[in-house]
């Protein structure tokens, strides 16, 4: 599975978590937005989550912003997605490893590799301390560690990029893409 498809799988897992948190009454924008996301109807999801984000209930509003982030992410509107995820965090939405990963990807897509690195490292720190049901899928952690290397590279921080590539290859020695990156980094 390529990296883009893995990101979609992890995004789908976050949609499922969002849907689980949106259980409740019949006219629930969070629930309807999560359903629209699952069906791939992103414009409808945006409409529903915008309603939820306007709620006077801070928890519902935060979840609405997180849902907006997911919908915008799926629409590849990374700037809007990142802003929505930030508003969700500011509103008190629980930050998850998956959310930090998506925030990191969004920041990378917009060229803000410094912010991306912060999000990725926050997600990796959460992953390191996760227990029980919170333990992330191993491919998610692998993807985040790969993106950490890229963030250092894009900031021309060659020493940290080399160190992270070396750590990565000690855990995932068969990754030919990072083997090539590591060879490239040796020339820096």
N, C-alpha and C. Protein backbone atom coordinates (compact mmCIF):
# COMPACT_ATOMS: atom_id res chain seq x y z
N UNK A 1 0.86 -1.18 0.00
CA UNK A 1 0.00 0.00 0.00
C UNK A 1 0.89 1.23 0.00
N UNK A 2 0.65 2.16 -0.93
CA UNK A 2 1.49 3.35 -1.00
C UNK A 2 1.14 4.32 0.12
N UNK A 3 2.00 5.33 0.30
CA UNK A 3 1.85 6.26 1.42
C UNK A 3 0.53 7.03 1.35
N UNK A 4 0.12 7.46 0.16
CA UNK A 4 -1.12 8.22 0.04
C UNK A 4 -2.33 7.36 0.44
N UNK A 5 -2.34 6.10 0.01
CA UNK A 5 -3.44 5.21 0.38
C UNK A 5 -3.44 4.92 1.87
N UNK A 6 -2.25 4.80 2.47
CA UNK A 6 -2.19 4.59 3.92
C UNK A 6 -2.77 5.79 4.65
N UNK A 7 -2.46 6.99 4.17
CA UNK A 7 -3.02 8.18 4.81
C UNK A 7 -4.54 8.16 4.73
N UNK A 8 -5.08 7.71 3.61
CA UNK A 8 -6.53 7.61 3.46
C UNK A 8 -7.11 6.59 4.44
N UNK A 9 -6.39 5.47 4.65
CA UNK A 9 -6.84 4.46 5.61
C UNK A 9 -6.86 5.05 7.01
N UNK A 10 -5.81 5.78 7.37
CA UNK A 10 -5.75 6.38 8.70
C UNK A 10 -6.82 7.46 8.85
N UNK A 11 -7.08 8.20 7.78
CA UNK A 11 -8.14 9.20 7.82
C UNK A 11 -9.49 8.51 8.01
N UNK A 12 -9.68 7.37 7.34
CA UNK A 12 -10.94 6.63 7.50
C UNK A 12 -11.11 6.15 8.94
N UNK A 13 -10.01 5.76 9.57
CA UNK A 13 -10.09 5.34 10.97
C UNK A 13 -10.52 6.50 11.85
N UNK A 14 -10.04 7.69 11.54
CA UNK A 14 -10.44 8.87 12.31
C UNK A 14 -11.91 9.19 12.08
N UNK A 15 -12.39 8.98 10.85
CA UNK A 15 -13.81 9.18 10.55
C UNK A 15 -14.64 8.24 11.42
N UNK A 16 -14.20 6.98 11.53
CA UNK A 16 -14.94 6.02 12.35
C UNK A 16 -14.98 6.47 13.82
N UNK A 17 -13.87 6.99 14.31
CA UNK A 17 -13.83 7.49 15.68
C UNK A 17 -14.75 8.69 15.83
N UNK A 18 -14.76 9.55 14.83
CA UNK A 18 -15.63 10.71 14.85
C UNK A 18 -17.08 10.28 14.86
N UNK A 19 -17.42 9.30 14.04
CA UNK A 19 -18.80 8.81 13.97
C UNK A 19 -19.21 8.20 15.30
N UNK A 20 -18.31 7.47 15.94
CA UNK A 20 -18.63 6.87 17.23
C UNK A 20 -18.92 7.93 18.28
N UNK A 21 -18.20 9.03 18.21
CA UNK A 21 -18.42 10.12 19.16
C UNK A 21 -19.65 10.95 18.86
N UNK A 22 -20.22 10.76 17.68
CA UNK A 22 -21.35 11.58 17.26
C UNK A 22 -22.68 10.88 17.44
N UNK A 23 -22.70 9.80 18.17
CA UNK A 23 -23.97 9.10 18.38
C UNK A 23 -24.92 9.99 19.16
N UNK A 24 -26.18 9.83 18.89
CA UNK A 24 -27.15 10.63 19.63
C UNK A 24 -28.38 10.91 18.82
N UNK A 25 -29.01 12.05 19.09
CA UNK A 25 -30.31 12.41 18.52
C UNK A 25 -30.37 12.42 17.02
N UNK A 26 -31.60 12.55 16.49
CA UNK A 26 -31.80 12.43 15.04
C UNK A 26 -31.21 13.59 14.26
N UNK A 27 -31.32 14.80 14.74
CA UNK A 27 -30.82 15.95 13.99
C UNK A 27 -29.45 16.34 14.54
N UNK A 28 -28.49 15.46 14.41
CA UNK A 28 -27.16 15.66 14.95
C UNK A 28 -26.20 15.94 13.80
N UNK A 29 -25.76 17.20 13.63
CA UNK A 29 -24.85 17.52 12.52
C UNK A 29 -23.56 16.71 12.55
N UNK A 30 -23.01 16.43 13.74
CA UNK A 30 -21.80 15.62 13.81
C UNK A 30 -22.04 14.24 13.21
N UNK A 31 -23.14 13.62 13.61
CA UNK A 31 -23.47 12.27 13.12
C UNK A 31 -23.72 12.30 11.61
N UNK A 32 -24.49 13.27 11.16
CA UNK A 32 -24.79 13.37 9.73
C UNK A 32 -23.54 13.71 8.94
N UNK A 33 -22.68 14.54 9.50
CA UNK A 33 -21.41 14.86 8.85
C UNK A 33 -20.51 13.65 8.75
N UNK A 34 -20.43 12.86 9.83
CA UNK A 34 -19.61 11.64 9.82
C UNK A 34 -20.14 10.66 8.78
N UNK A 35 -21.45 10.55 8.69
CA UNK A 35 -22.04 9.65 7.69
C UNK A 35 -21.71 10.14 6.28
N UNK A 36 -21.83 11.43 6.05
CA UNK A 36 -21.50 11.99 4.73
C UNK A 36 -20.02 11.74 4.40
N UNK A 37 -19.13 11.88 5.39
CA UNK A 37 -17.71 11.60 5.18
C UNK A 37 -17.51 10.15 4.75
N UNK A 38 -18.14 9.23 5.48
CA UNK A 38 -18.00 7.81 5.16
C UNK A 38 -18.49 7.51 3.75
N UNK A 39 -19.50 8.23 3.30
CA UNK A 39 -20.07 8.02 1.97
C UNK A 39 -19.29 8.76 0.89
N UNK A 40 -18.31 9.57 1.27
CA UNK A 40 -17.52 10.31 0.31
C UNK A 40 -18.20 11.58 -0.19
N UNK A 41 -19.26 12.01 0.50
CA UNK A 41 -19.98 13.23 0.13
C UNK A 41 -19.40 14.38 0.97
N UNK A 42 -18.26 14.88 0.54
CA UNK A 42 -17.50 15.82 1.35
C UNK A 42 -18.15 17.19 1.46
N UNK A 43 -18.81 17.64 0.41
CA UNK A 43 -19.49 18.94 0.47
C UNK A 43 -20.60 18.91 1.52
N UNK A 44 -21.36 17.81 1.55
CA UNK A 44 -22.42 17.66 2.56
C UNK A 44 -21.80 17.58 3.95
N UNK A 45 -20.68 16.87 4.06
CA UNK A 45 -20.00 16.77 5.35
C UNK A 45 -19.58 18.16 5.83
N UNK A 46 -19.04 18.97 4.93
CA UNK A 46 -18.63 20.33 5.30
C UNK A 46 -19.84 21.10 5.83
N UNK A 47 -20.95 21.03 5.14
CA UNK A 47 -22.15 21.74 5.59
C UNK A 47 -22.59 21.31 6.99
N UNK A 48 -22.61 20.00 7.21
CA UNK A 48 -23.04 19.48 8.51
C UNK A 48 -22.06 19.88 9.62
N UNK A 49 -20.77 19.74 9.33
CA UNK A 49 -19.79 20.07 10.36
C UNK A 49 -19.71 21.58 10.62
N UNK A 50 -20.00 22.39 9.61
CA UNK A 50 -20.06 23.83 9.85
C UNK A 50 -21.18 24.16 10.83
N UNK A 51 -22.31 23.47 10.71
CA UNK A 51 -23.40 23.66 11.66
C UNK A 51 -22.95 23.28 13.07
N UNK A 52 -22.31 22.13 13.18
CA UNK A 52 -21.83 21.68 14.49
C UNK A 52 -20.82 22.65 15.07
N UNK A 53 -19.93 23.19 14.22
CA UNK A 53 -18.89 24.11 14.69
C UNK A 53 -19.48 25.40 15.25
N UNK A 54 -20.70 25.73 14.84
CA UNK A 54 -21.37 26.94 15.34
C UNK A 54 -22.11 26.70 16.64
N UNK A 55 -22.09 25.49 17.14
CA UNK A 55 -22.83 25.14 18.36
C UNK A 55 -22.33 25.93 19.57
N UNK A 56 -23.25 26.22 20.47
CA UNK A 56 -22.86 26.88 21.72
C UNK A 56 -22.22 25.89 22.68
N UNK A 57 -22.41 24.60 22.43
CA UNK A 57 -21.76 23.55 23.21
C UNK A 57 -20.32 23.43 22.72
N UNK A 58 -19.35 23.77 23.57
CA UNK A 58 -17.95 23.81 23.14
C UNK A 58 -17.45 22.45 22.66
N UNK A 59 -17.89 21.38 23.29
CA UNK A 59 -17.48 20.05 22.86
C UNK A 59 -17.99 19.72 21.47
N UNK A 60 -19.25 20.05 21.22
CA UNK A 60 -19.83 19.80 19.91
C UNK A 60 -19.15 20.68 18.85
N UNK A 61 -18.88 21.91 19.21
CA UNK A 61 -18.21 22.82 18.26
C UNK A 61 -16.82 22.29 17.92
N UNK A 62 -16.08 21.83 18.93
CA UNK A 62 -14.74 21.30 18.70
C UNK A 62 -14.80 20.08 17.78
N UNK A 63 -15.77 19.20 18.02
CA UNK A 63 -15.92 18.02 17.16
C UNK A 63 -16.34 18.44 15.75
N UNK A 64 -17.14 19.49 15.65
CA UNK A 64 -17.50 20.02 14.34
C UNK A 64 -16.28 20.48 13.57
N UNK A 65 -15.37 21.17 14.26
CA UNK A 65 -14.14 21.61 13.60
C UNK A 65 -13.27 20.42 13.21
N UNK A 66 -13.22 19.40 14.07
CA UNK A 66 -12.42 18.23 13.71
C UNK A 66 -13.02 17.55 12.47
N UNK A 67 -14.34 17.46 12.42
CA UNK A 67 -15.00 16.91 11.25
C UNK A 67 -14.73 17.74 10.00
N UNK A 68 -14.75 19.08 10.16
CA UNK A 68 -14.41 19.95 9.03
C UNK A 68 -12.99 19.66 8.55
N UNK A 69 -12.08 19.48 9.49
CA UNK A 69 -10.71 19.16 9.12
C UNK A 69 -10.65 17.90 8.28
N UNK A 70 -11.40 16.88 8.70
CA UNK A 70 -11.43 15.62 7.95
C UNK A 70 -12.00 15.82 6.55
N UNK A 71 -13.10 16.54 6.46
CA UNK A 71 -13.74 16.75 5.15
C UNK A 71 -12.80 17.54 4.22
N UNK A 72 -12.22 18.61 4.74
CA UNK A 72 -11.30 19.39 3.92
C UNK A 72 -10.07 18.56 3.53
N UNK A 73 -9.59 17.75 4.45
CA UNK A 73 -8.45 16.88 4.14
C UNK A 73 -8.79 15.96 2.97
N UNK A 74 -9.96 15.35 3.04
CA UNK A 74 -10.37 14.44 1.96
C UNK A 74 -10.54 15.19 0.64
N UNK A 75 -10.88 16.46 0.71
CA UNK A 75 -11.04 17.28 -0.49
C UNK A 75 -9.69 17.85 -0.96
N UNK A 76 -8.63 17.53 -0.22
CA UNK A 76 -7.27 17.99 -0.48
C UNK A 76 -7.14 19.51 -0.37
N UNK A 77 -7.98 20.11 0.46
CA UNK A 77 -7.88 21.54 0.79
C UNK A 77 -7.12 21.59 2.12
N UNK A 78 -5.80 21.46 2.02
CA UNK A 78 -4.98 21.27 3.21
C UNK A 78 -4.91 22.50 4.11
N UNK A 79 -4.95 23.69 3.53
CA UNK A 79 -4.93 24.89 4.37
C UNK A 79 -6.19 24.96 5.24
N UNK A 80 -7.34 24.73 4.63
CA UNK A 80 -8.60 24.75 5.39
C UNK A 80 -8.64 23.63 6.41
N UNK A 81 -8.13 22.46 6.02
CA UNK A 81 -8.11 21.32 6.94
C UNK A 81 -7.27 21.65 8.17
N UNK A 82 -6.09 22.19 7.94
CA UNK A 82 -5.20 22.51 9.05
C UNK A 82 -5.82 23.55 9.97
N UNK A 83 -6.44 24.57 9.40
CA UNK A 83 -7.10 25.60 10.21
C UNK A 83 -8.23 24.99 11.04
N UNK A 84 -9.00 24.10 10.43
CA UNK A 84 -10.10 23.45 11.17
C UNK A 84 -9.55 22.58 12.29
N UNK A 85 -8.49 21.80 12.02
CA UNK A 85 -7.89 20.97 13.07
C UNK A 85 -7.37 21.84 14.21
N UNK A 86 -6.77 22.98 13.87
CA UNK A 86 -6.27 23.89 14.92
C UNK A 86 -7.42 24.43 15.76
N UNK A 87 -8.52 24.80 15.11
CA UNK A 87 -9.67 25.30 15.85
C UNK A 87 -10.26 24.20 16.74
N UNK A 88 -10.24 22.96 16.26
CA UNK A 88 -10.71 21.84 17.08
C UNK A 88 -9.85 21.72 18.34
N UNK A 89 -8.53 21.79 18.16
CA UNK A 89 -7.62 21.69 19.30
C UNK A 89 -7.83 22.86 20.26
N UNK A 90 -7.96 24.07 19.71
CA UNK A 90 -8.19 25.24 20.56
C UNK A 90 -9.51 25.14 21.31
N UNK A 91 -10.48 24.44 20.71
CA UNK A 91 -11.79 24.29 21.33
C UNK A 91 -11.87 23.14 22.32
N UNK A 92 -10.78 22.39 22.46
CA UNK A 92 -10.75 21.33 23.45
C UNK A 92 -10.93 19.93 22.92
N UNK A 93 -10.96 19.74 21.60
CA UNK A 93 -11.08 18.39 21.06
C UNK A 93 -9.85 17.58 21.46
N UNK A 94 -10.08 16.33 21.78
CA UNK A 94 -8.97 15.47 22.15
C UNK A 94 -8.02 15.32 20.98
N UNK A 95 -6.75 15.56 21.23
CA UNK A 95 -5.74 15.40 20.19
C UNK A 95 -5.32 13.94 20.17
N UNK A 96 -5.38 13.35 19.02
CA UNK A 96 -5.01 11.95 18.85
C UNK A 96 -3.77 11.85 17.97
N UNK A 97 -3.19 10.69 17.96
CA UNK A 97 -2.03 10.43 17.10
C UNK A 97 -2.43 10.66 15.65
N UNK A 98 -3.61 10.16 15.28
CA UNK A 98 -4.08 10.31 13.91
C UNK A 98 -4.28 11.78 13.55
N UNK A 99 -4.83 12.56 14.48
CA UNK A 99 -5.05 13.98 14.21
C UNK A 99 -3.72 14.69 14.03
N UNK A 100 -2.76 14.41 14.90
CA UNK A 100 -1.44 15.03 14.75
C UNK A 100 -0.81 14.64 13.41
N UNK A 101 -0.98 13.38 13.01
CA UNK A 101 -0.44 12.95 11.73
C UNK A 101 -1.08 13.75 10.59
N UNK A 102 -2.39 13.89 10.61
CA UNK A 102 -3.07 14.63 9.55
C UNK A 102 -2.68 16.10 9.57
N UNK A 103 -2.52 16.66 10.75
CA UNK A 103 -2.07 18.05 10.83
C UNK A 103 -0.67 18.19 10.24
N UNK A 104 0.19 17.23 10.53
CA UNK A 104 1.53 17.24 9.97
C UNK A 104 1.50 17.15 8.45
N UNK A 105 0.68 16.26 7.92
CA UNK A 105 0.58 16.12 6.47
C UNK A 105 0.05 17.41 5.85
N UNK A 106 -0.97 17.99 6.47
CA UNK A 106 -1.52 19.25 5.95
C UNK A 106 -0.46 20.34 5.93
N UNK A 107 0.29 20.45 7.01
CA UNK A 107 1.34 21.48 7.08
C UNK A 107 2.41 21.20 6.03
N UNK A 108 2.75 19.94 5.81
CA UNK A 108 3.72 19.61 4.77
C UNK A 108 3.18 20.02 3.40
N UNK A 109 1.92 19.74 3.17
CA UNK A 109 1.31 20.06 1.88
C UNK A 109 1.27 21.57 1.62
N UNK A 110 1.25 22.35 2.68
CA UNK A 110 1.23 23.80 2.52
C UNK A 110 2.65 24.40 2.59
N UNK A 111 3.65 23.54 2.76
CA UNK A 111 5.04 23.99 2.77
C UNK A 111 5.55 24.48 4.11
N UNK A 112 4.79 24.29 5.18
CA UNK A 112 5.23 24.72 6.51
C UNK A 112 5.84 23.53 7.24
N UNK A 113 7.08 23.22 6.88
CA UNK A 113 7.73 22.03 7.42
C UNK A 113 8.10 22.15 8.88
N UNK A 114 8.28 23.37 9.38
CA UNK A 114 8.55 23.56 10.80
C UNK A 114 7.34 23.16 11.63
N UNK A 115 6.16 23.64 11.25
CA UNK A 115 4.93 23.27 11.95
C UNK A 115 4.65 21.79 11.78
N UNK A 116 4.88 21.28 10.57
CA UNK A 116 4.65 19.86 10.31
C UNK A 116 5.48 19.01 11.26
N UNK A 117 6.74 19.38 11.42
CA UNK A 117 7.63 18.63 12.30
C UNK A 117 7.11 18.65 13.74
N UNK A 118 6.62 19.80 14.19
CA UNK A 118 6.07 19.88 15.55
C UNK A 118 4.87 18.95 15.72
N UNK A 119 3.97 18.94 14.74
CA UNK A 119 2.79 18.07 14.83
C UNK A 119 3.20 16.60 14.81
N UNK A 120 4.11 16.27 13.91
CA UNK A 120 4.54 14.87 13.81
C UNK A 120 5.22 14.42 15.09
N UNK A 121 6.08 15.26 15.63
CA UNK A 121 6.77 14.89 16.87
C UNK A 121 5.80 14.79 18.04
N UNK A 122 4.78 15.65 18.08
CA UNK A 122 3.76 15.54 19.13
C UNK A 122 3.00 14.22 18.99
N UNK A 123 2.68 13.84 17.77
CA UNK A 123 2.00 12.57 17.53
C UNK A 123 2.86 11.38 17.91
N UNK A 124 4.14 11.45 17.56
CA UNK A 124 5.05 10.36 17.92
C UNK A 124 5.23 10.25 19.44
N UNK A 125 5.24 11.39 20.12
CA UNK A 125 5.33 11.36 21.59
C UNK A 125 4.09 10.70 22.18
N UNK A 126 2.93 11.02 21.62
CA UNK A 126 1.69 10.35 22.06
C UNK A 126 1.76 8.86 21.79
N UNK A 127 2.28 8.50 20.63
CA UNK A 127 2.39 7.08 20.26
C UNK A 127 3.30 6.34 21.23
N UNK A 128 4.40 6.99 21.63
CA UNK A 128 5.34 6.37 22.56
C UNK A 128 4.72 6.10 23.92
N UNK A 129 3.78 6.94 24.34
CA UNK A 129 3.18 6.78 25.66
C UNK A 129 1.82 6.06 25.61
N UNK A 130 1.39 5.66 24.41
CA UNK A 130 0.08 5.03 24.27
C UNK A 130 0.05 3.63 24.87
N UNK A 131 -1.10 3.30 25.45
CA UNK A 131 -1.31 1.97 26.01
C UNK A 131 -2.69 1.47 25.59
N UNK A 132 -2.86 0.17 25.64
CA UNK A 132 -4.17 -0.43 25.37
C UNK A 132 -4.71 -0.09 24.00
N UNK A 133 -5.96 0.40 23.98
CA UNK A 133 -6.64 0.72 22.73
C UNK A 133 -6.04 1.94 22.03
N UNK A 134 -5.23 2.71 22.74
CA UNK A 134 -4.65 3.92 22.17
C UNK A 134 -3.43 3.63 21.30
N UNK A 135 -2.88 2.42 21.37
CA UNK A 135 -1.67 2.08 20.62
C UNK A 135 -2.00 2.19 19.13
N UNK A 136 -1.22 3.01 18.41
CA UNK A 136 -1.52 3.22 16.99
C UNK A 136 -1.10 2.04 16.13
N UNK A 137 -1.66 2.00 14.94
CA UNK A 137 -1.26 0.99 13.96
C UNK A 137 0.22 1.20 13.64
N UNK A 138 1.00 0.13 13.55
CA UNK A 138 2.44 0.29 13.28
C UNK A 138 2.74 1.06 11.99
N UNK A 139 1.90 0.93 10.98
CA UNK A 139 2.13 1.66 9.73
C UNK A 139 1.98 3.16 9.92
N UNK A 140 1.12 3.57 10.86
CA UNK A 140 0.95 5.00 11.13
C UNK A 140 2.23 5.57 11.72
N UNK A 141 2.81 4.86 12.67
CA UNK A 141 4.06 5.31 13.29
C UNK A 141 5.17 5.34 12.25
N UNK A 142 5.24 4.32 11.42
CA UNK A 142 6.26 4.27 10.36
C UNK A 142 6.12 5.47 9.44
N UNK A 143 4.89 5.77 9.04
CA UNK A 143 4.64 6.91 8.16
C UNK A 143 5.07 8.22 8.81
N UNK A 144 4.77 8.37 10.09
CA UNK A 144 5.14 9.60 10.78
C UNK A 144 6.65 9.74 10.89
N UNK A 145 7.33 8.64 11.15
CA UNK A 145 8.80 8.68 11.23
C UNK A 145 9.41 9.03 9.88
N UNK A 146 8.83 8.52 8.81
CA UNK A 146 9.28 8.87 7.47
C UNK A 146 9.08 10.37 7.23
N UNK A 147 7.89 10.87 7.56
CA UNK A 147 7.61 12.29 7.36
C UNK A 147 8.50 13.19 8.21
N UNK A 148 8.92 12.69 9.36
CA UNK A 148 9.84 13.45 10.20
C UNK A 148 11.17 13.67 9.45
N UNK A 149 11.65 12.63 8.77
CA UNK A 149 12.88 12.75 7.99
C UNK A 149 12.70 13.81 6.91
N UNK A 150 11.58 13.73 6.20
CA UNK A 150 11.31 14.66 5.10
C UNK A 150 11.26 16.10 5.62
N UNK A 151 10.64 16.30 6.77
CA UNK A 151 10.56 17.65 7.34
C UNK A 151 11.95 18.21 7.63
N UNK A 152 12.81 17.39 8.21
CA UNK A 152 14.18 17.85 8.46
C UNK A 152 14.88 18.17 7.14
N UNK A 153 14.72 17.30 6.15
CA UNK A 153 15.34 17.54 4.84
C UNK A 153 14.87 18.86 4.25
N UNK A 154 13.57 19.08 4.26
CA UNK A 154 13.00 20.28 3.64
C UNK A 154 13.46 21.55 4.34
N UNK A 155 13.88 21.43 5.59
CA UNK A 155 14.40 22.58 6.32
C UNK A 155 15.93 22.65 6.24
N UNK A 156 16.51 21.77 5.41
CA UNK A 156 17.96 21.69 5.23
C UNK A 156 18.69 21.42 6.55
N UNK A 157 18.04 20.70 7.45
CA UNK A 157 18.65 20.29 8.71
C UNK A 157 19.20 18.88 8.47
N UNK A 158 20.35 18.85 7.78
CA UNK A 158 20.90 17.60 7.30
C UNK A 158 21.32 16.66 8.42
N UNK A 159 21.86 17.18 9.49
CA UNK A 159 22.31 16.32 10.59
C UNK A 159 21.15 15.58 11.23
N UNK A 160 20.07 16.31 11.54
CA UNK A 160 18.91 15.64 12.12
C UNK A 160 18.25 14.69 11.12
N UNK A 161 18.23 15.07 9.85
CA UNK A 161 17.66 14.19 8.83
C UNK A 161 18.46 12.89 8.76
N UNK A 162 19.79 13.00 8.77
CA UNK A 162 20.64 11.80 8.75
C UNK A 162 20.38 10.92 9.97
N UNK A 163 20.32 11.56 11.14
CA UNK A 163 20.11 10.80 12.37
C UNK A 163 18.76 10.08 12.35
N UNK A 164 17.72 10.79 11.90
CA UNK A 164 16.38 10.17 11.85
C UNK A 164 16.31 9.08 10.80
N UNK A 165 17.01 9.26 9.67
CA UNK A 165 17.04 8.22 8.63
C UNK A 165 17.74 6.97 9.17
N UNK A 166 18.80 7.18 9.92
CA UNK A 166 19.53 6.06 10.51
C UNK A 166 18.65 5.31 11.52
N UNK A 167 17.98 6.06 12.38
CA UNK A 167 17.05 5.44 13.34
C UNK A 167 15.95 4.66 12.61
N UNK A 168 15.41 5.30 11.59
CA UNK A 168 14.33 4.69 10.81
C UNK A 168 14.79 3.36 10.20
N UNK A 169 15.97 3.38 9.59
CA UNK A 169 16.47 2.17 8.94
C UNK A 169 16.83 1.07 9.94
N UNK A 170 17.14 1.45 11.16
CA UNK A 170 17.39 0.41 12.17
C UNK A 170 16.09 -0.32 12.53
N UNK A 171 14.95 0.38 12.40
CA UNK A 171 13.65 -0.24 12.66
C UNK A 171 13.04 -0.87 11.41
N UNK A 172 13.28 -0.26 10.26
CA UNK A 172 12.68 -0.70 8.99
C UNK A 172 13.76 -0.84 7.93
N UNK A 173 14.64 -1.83 8.08
CA UNK A 173 15.81 -1.92 7.19
C UNK A 173 15.48 -2.22 5.73
N UNK A 174 14.30 -2.71 5.44
CA UNK A 174 13.95 -3.08 4.07
C UNK A 174 13.31 -1.96 3.27
N UNK A 175 13.18 -0.78 3.84
CA UNK A 175 12.54 0.34 3.14
C UNK A 175 13.53 0.93 2.14
N UNK A 176 13.35 0.57 0.87
CA UNK A 176 14.29 1.00 -0.17
C UNK A 176 14.25 2.50 -0.40
N UNK A 177 13.08 3.10 -0.23
CA UNK A 177 12.97 4.55 -0.42
C UNK A 177 13.84 5.31 0.59
N UNK A 178 13.79 4.90 1.84
CA UNK A 178 14.59 5.57 2.86
C UNK A 178 16.06 5.19 2.73
N UNK A 179 16.35 4.00 2.22
CA UNK A 179 17.74 3.65 1.93
C UNK A 179 18.32 4.64 0.92
N UNK A 180 17.54 4.96 -0.12
CA UNK A 180 18.00 5.95 -1.11
C UNK A 180 18.12 7.34 -0.48
N UNK A 181 17.15 7.71 0.37
CA UNK A 181 17.21 9.00 1.06
C UNK A 181 18.47 9.08 1.91
N UNK A 182 18.76 8.00 2.60
CA UNK A 182 19.93 7.96 3.46
C UNK A 182 21.21 8.16 2.64
N UNK A 183 21.27 7.51 1.48
CA UNK A 183 22.44 7.69 0.61
C UNK A 183 22.54 9.15 0.14
N UNK A 184 21.40 9.74 -0.20
CA UNK A 184 21.37 11.14 -0.59
C UNK A 184 21.88 12.01 0.56
N UNK A 185 21.40 11.74 1.75
CA UNK A 185 21.78 12.54 2.92
C UNK A 185 23.27 12.47 3.23
N UNK A 186 23.89 11.36 2.89
CA UNK A 186 25.33 11.22 3.12
C UNK A 186 26.13 12.20 2.26
N UNK A 187 25.51 12.69 1.19
CA UNK A 187 26.20 13.66 0.32
C UNK A 187 26.04 15.07 0.84
N UNK A 188 25.28 15.28 1.86
CA UNK A 188 25.04 16.61 2.41
C UNK A 188 25.99 16.92 3.52
